[in-house]
Amino acid sequence: MILDTNILIAYLNGERAVVDFVLNQKEAGRAIFVSSVSVAELLSLPALAETDIRRIKDFLGNFISVPLNDDLAEAAAVLRRTYKLSIPDAAVAATALVHRSPLITRDKSFRKVKEIVFIDL
């Protein structure tokens, strides 16, 4: 499964439902992926102090980061053209599409992407 940036932020904010879900998935031995675009989004939040950055990097070490390569970039471009997504959203959606993995998100704009399975959290 792929965790969207909004799910990662909810986890970092300690939202119990998200924390419990992620921990249950890890305990069940399921691989959990994040897009490298989500890594950039998290680390670019304006109010981050150095301690926050270290904490986020440590947290992200619990997941498998999927780098944005040319295959993902091309899939993101198709999704952006087709569904009018932002580049970051298209890149995260492309990660789920190319890896045939559900996307865990709260972002309703993804609902129009027919090629992806979504799990609301």
C-alpha atoms as a PDB file:
ATOM      1  CA  MET A   1       0.000   0.000   0.000  1.00  0.00           C
ATOM      2  CA  ILE A   2       1.022   3.605  -0.627  1.00  0.00           C
ATOM      3  CA  LEU A   3       0.494   6.243   2.071  1.00  0.00           C
ATOM      4  CA  ASP A   4      -0.435   9.689   0.793  1.00  0.00           C
ATOM      5  CA  THR A   5       1.166  12.752   2.337  1.00  0.00           C
ATOM      6  CA  ASN A   6      -2.002  13.662   4.251  1.00  0.00           C
ATOM      7  CA  ILE A   7      -1.941  10.263   5.965  1.00  0.00           C
ATOM      8  CA  LEU A   8       1.714  10.715   6.920  1.00  0.00           C
ATOM      9  CA  ILE A   9       0.916  14.139   8.385  1.00  0.00           C
ATOM     10  CA  ALA A  10      -2.040  12.697  10.326  1.00  0.00           C
ATOM     11  CA  TYR A  11       0.274  10.003  11.749  1.00  0.00           C
ATOM     12  CA  LEU A  12       2.871  12.595  12.763  1.00  0.00           C
ATOM     13  CA  ASN A  13       0.085  14.606  14.416  1.00  0.00           C
ATOM     14  CA  GLY A  14      -0.819  11.521  16.445  1.00  0.00           C
ATOM     15  CA  GLU A  15      -4.270  10.886  14.998  1.00  0.00           C
ATOM     16  CA  ARG A  16      -5.198   7.643  16.732  1.00  0.00           C
ATOM     17  CA  ALA A  17      -7.100   6.012  13.824  1.00  0.00           C
ATOM     18  CA  VAL A  18      -4.186   6.571  11.448  1.00  0.00           C
ATOM     19  CA  VAL A  19      -1.533   5.513  13.951  1.00  0.00           C
ATOM     20  CA  ASP A  20      -3.472   2.341  14.784  1.00  0.00           C
ATOM     21  CA  PHE A  21      -4.016   1.520  11.100  1.00  0.00           C
ATOM     22  CA  VAL A  22      -0.357   1.947  10.178  1.00  0.00           C
ATOM     23  CA  LEU A  23       0.869   0.001  13.205  1.00  0.00           C
ATOM     24  CA  ASN A  24      -1.588  -2.821  12.460  1.00  0.00           C
ATOM     25  CA  GLN A  25      -0.365  -3.002   8.870  1.00  0.00           C
ATOM     26  CA  LYS A  26       3.257  -3.129  10.012  1.00  0.00           C
ATOM     27  CA  GLU A  27       2.484  -5.806  12.623  1.00  0.00           C
ATOM     28  CA  ALA A  28       0.727  -7.863   9.936  1.00  0.00           C
ATOM     29  CA  GLY A  29       3.940  -7.735   7.913  1.00  0.00           C
ATOM     30  CA  ARG A  30       2.518  -5.672   5.063  1.00  0.00           C
ATOM     31  CA  ALA A  31       4.920  -3.561   3.059  1.00  0.00           C
ATOM     32  CA  ILE A  32       4.116   0.132   3.300  1.00  0.00           C
ATOM     33  CA  PHE A  33       5.413   2.499   0.654  1.00  0.00           C
ATOM     34  CA  VAL A  34       5.644   6.262   0.346  1.00  0.00           C
ATOM     35  CA  SER A  35       6.399   8.291  -2.745  1.00  0.00           C
ATOM     36  CA  SER A  36       9.598  10.300  -2.691  1.00  0.00           C
ATOM     37  CA  VAL A  37       7.311  13.209  -3.592  1.00  0.00           C
ATOM     38  CA  SER A  38       5.593  12.763  -0.210  1.00  0.00           C
ATOM     39  CA  VAL A  39       9.019  12.821   1.421  1.00  0.00           C
ATOM     40  CA  ALA A  40       9.687  16.185  -0.252  1.00  0.00           C
ATOM     41  CA  GLU A  41       6.263  17.499   0.746  1.00  0.00           C
ATOM     42  CA  LEU A  42       6.783  16.550   4.404  1.00  0.00           C
ATOM     43  CA  LEU A  43      10.281  17.964   4.605  1.00  0.00           C
ATOM     44  CA  SER A  44       9.241  21.230   2.955  1.00  0.00           C
ATOM     45  CA  LEU A  45       6.615  22.213   5.519  1.00  0.00           C
ATOM     46  CA  PRO A  46       7.478  25.859   6.326  1.00  0.00           C
ATOM     47  CA  ALA A  47       7.401  25.737  10.124  1.00  0.00           C
ATOM     48  CA  LEU A  48       9.855  22.846  10.566  1.00  0.00           C
ATOM     49  CA  ALA A  49      12.700  23.185  13.019  1.00  0.00           C
ATOM     50  CA  GLU A  50      15.809  20.990  12.791  1.00  0.00           C
ATOM     51  CA  THR A  51      14.410  18.686  15.485  1.00  0.00           C
ATOM     52  CA  ASP A  52      11.213  18.289  13.434  1.00  0.00           C
ATOM     53  CA  ILE A  53      13.223  17.431  10.333  1.00  0.00           C
ATOM     54  CA  ARG A  54      15.175  14.751  12.207  1.00  0.00           C
ATOM     55  CA  ARG A  55      11.960  13.332  13.657  1.00  0.00           C
ATOM     56  CA  ILE A  56      10.328  13.195  10.213  1.00  0.00           C
ATOM     57  CA  LYS A  57      13.380  11.538   8.657  1.00  0.00           C
ATOM     58  CA  ASP A  58      13.414   8.943  11.438  1.00  0.00           C
ATOM     59  CA  PHE A  59       9.698   8.358  10.934  1.00  0.00           C
ATOM     60  CA  LEU A  60      10.083   7.968   7.167  1.00  0.00           C
ATOM     61  CA  GLY A  61      12.712   5.287   7.783  1.00  0.00           C
ATOM     62  CA  ASN A  62       9.815   2.988   8.728  1.00  0.00           C
ATOM     63  CA  PHE A  63       8.572   2.920   5.136  1.00  0.00           C
ATOM     64  CA  ILE A  64       9.872   1.989   1.702  1.00  0.00           C
ATOM     65  CA  SER A  65      10.415   5.162  -0.295  1.00  0.00           C
ATOM     66  CA  VAL A  66       9.662   4.859  -4.003  1.00  0.00           C
ATOM     67  CA  PRO A  67      11.806   7.250  -6.038  1.00  0.00           C
ATOM     68  CA  LEU A  68      10.256   9.254  -8.843  1.00  0.00           C
ATOM     69  CA  ASN A  69      11.834   7.767 -11.963  1.00  0.00           C
ATOM     70  CA  ASP A  70      10.980   8.282 -15.641  1.00  0.00           C
ATOM     71  CA  ASP A  71       8.342   5.524 -15.681  1.00  0.00           C
ATOM     72  CA  LEU A  72       6.521   7.101 -12.747  1.00  0.00           C
ATOM     73  CA  ALA A  73       6.973  10.574 -14.224  1.00  0.00           C
ATOM     74  CA  GLU A  74       5.354   9.454 -17.496  1.00  0.00           C
ATOM     75  CA  ALA A  75       2.454   7.802 -15.642  1.00  0.00           C
ATOM     76  CA  ALA A  76       2.079  10.979 -13.553  1.00  0.00           C
ATOM     77  CA  ALA A  77       1.974  13.059 -16.732  1.00  0.00           C
ATOM     78  CA  VAL A  78      -0.855  10.923 -18.126  1.00  0.00           C
ATOM     79  CA  LEU A  79      -2.800  11.183 -14.855  1.00  0.00           C
ATOM     80  CA  ARG A  80      -2.228  14.937 -14.723  1.00  0.00           C
ATOM     81  CA  ARG A  81      -3.458  15.415 -18.291  1.00  0.00           C
ATOM     82  CA  THR A  82      -6.431  13.100 -17.839  1.00  0.00           C
ATOM     83  CA  TYR A  83      -7.617  14.144 -14.386  1.00  0.00           C
ATOM     84  CA  LYS A  84      -6.159  17.654 -13.981  1.00  0.00           C
ATOM     85  CA  LEU A  85      -4.209  16.672 -10.846  1.00  0.00           C
ATOM     86  CA  SER A  86      -1.370  18.712  -9.406  1.00  0.00           C
ATOM     87  CA  ILE A  87       2.104  17.346 -10.132  1.00  0.00           C
ATOM     88  CA  PRO A  88       2.573  16.074  -6.539  1.00  0.00           C
ATOM     89  CA  ASP A  89      -0.846  14.375  -6.510  1.00  0.00           C
ATOM     90  CA  ALA A  90      -0.257  12.896  -9.961  1.00  0.00           C
ATOM     91  CA  ALA A  91       3.129  11.544  -8.842  1.00  0.00           C
ATOM     92  CA  VAL A  92       1.669   9.911  -5.718  1.00  0.00           C
ATOM     93  CA  ALA A  93      -1.214   8.457  -7.733  1.00  0.00           C
ATOM     94  CA  ALA A  94       1.221   7.186 -10.372  1.00  0.00           C
ATOM     95  CA  THR A  95       3.180   5.415  -7.646  1.00  0.00           C
ATOM     96  CA  ALA A  96       0.032   3.520  -6.647  1.00  0.00           C
ATOM     97  CA  LEU A  97      -0.884   2.838 -10.270  1.00  0.00           C
ATOM     98  CA  VAL A  98       2.503   1.572 -11.438  1.00  0.00           C
ATOM     99  CA  HIS A  99       3.016  -0.565  -8.344  1.00  0.00           C
ATOM    100  CA  ARG A 100      -0.595  -1.848  -8.438  1.00  0.00           C
ATOM    101  CA  SER A 101      -1.022  -0.919  -4.823  1.00  0.00           C
ATOM    102  CA  PRO A 102      -3.929   0.752  -3.030  1.00  0.00           C
ATOM    103  CA  LEU A 103      -3.526   4.400  -2.103  1.00  0.00           C
ATOM    104  CA  ILE A 104      -4.357   5.310   1.478  1.00  0.00           C
ATOM    105  CA  THR A 105      -5.554   8.922   1.392  1.00  0.00           C
ATOM    106  CA  ARG A 106      -8.066  11.464   2.603  1.00  0.00           C
ATOM    107  CA  ASP A 107      -7.801  13.540  -0.553  1.00  0.00           C
ATOM    108  CA  LYS A 108     -11.151  13.473  -2.351  1.00  0.00           C
ATOM    109  CA  SER A 109      -9.615  14.762  -5.612  1.00  0.00           C
ATOM    110  CA  PHE A 110      -8.131  11.297  -6.167  1.00  0.00           C
ATOM    111  CA  ARG A 111     -11.606   9.739  -6.385  1.00  0.00           C
ATOM    112  CA  LYS A 112     -11.876  10.656 -10.044  1.00  0.00           C
ATOM    113  CA  VAL A 113      -8.847   8.464 -10.905  1.00  0.00           C
ATOM    114  CA  LYS A 114     -10.562   5.259 -12.005  1.00  0.00           C
ATOM    115  CA  GLU A 115      -7.374   3.204 -12.385  1.00  0.00           C
ATOM    116  CA  ILE A 116      -6.481   3.210  -8.676  1.00  0.00           C
ATOM    117  CA  VAL A 117      -7.914   1.455  -5.626  1.00  0.00           C
ATOM    118  CA  PHE A 118      -8.365   3.792  -2.665  1.00  0.00           C
ATOM    119  CA  ILE A 119      -8.679   3.135   1.025  1.00  0.00           C
ATOM    120  CA  ASP A 120     -10.218   5.951   3.058  1.00  0.00           C
ATOM    121  CA  LEU A 121      -8.816   6.516   6.490  1.00  0.00           C
END
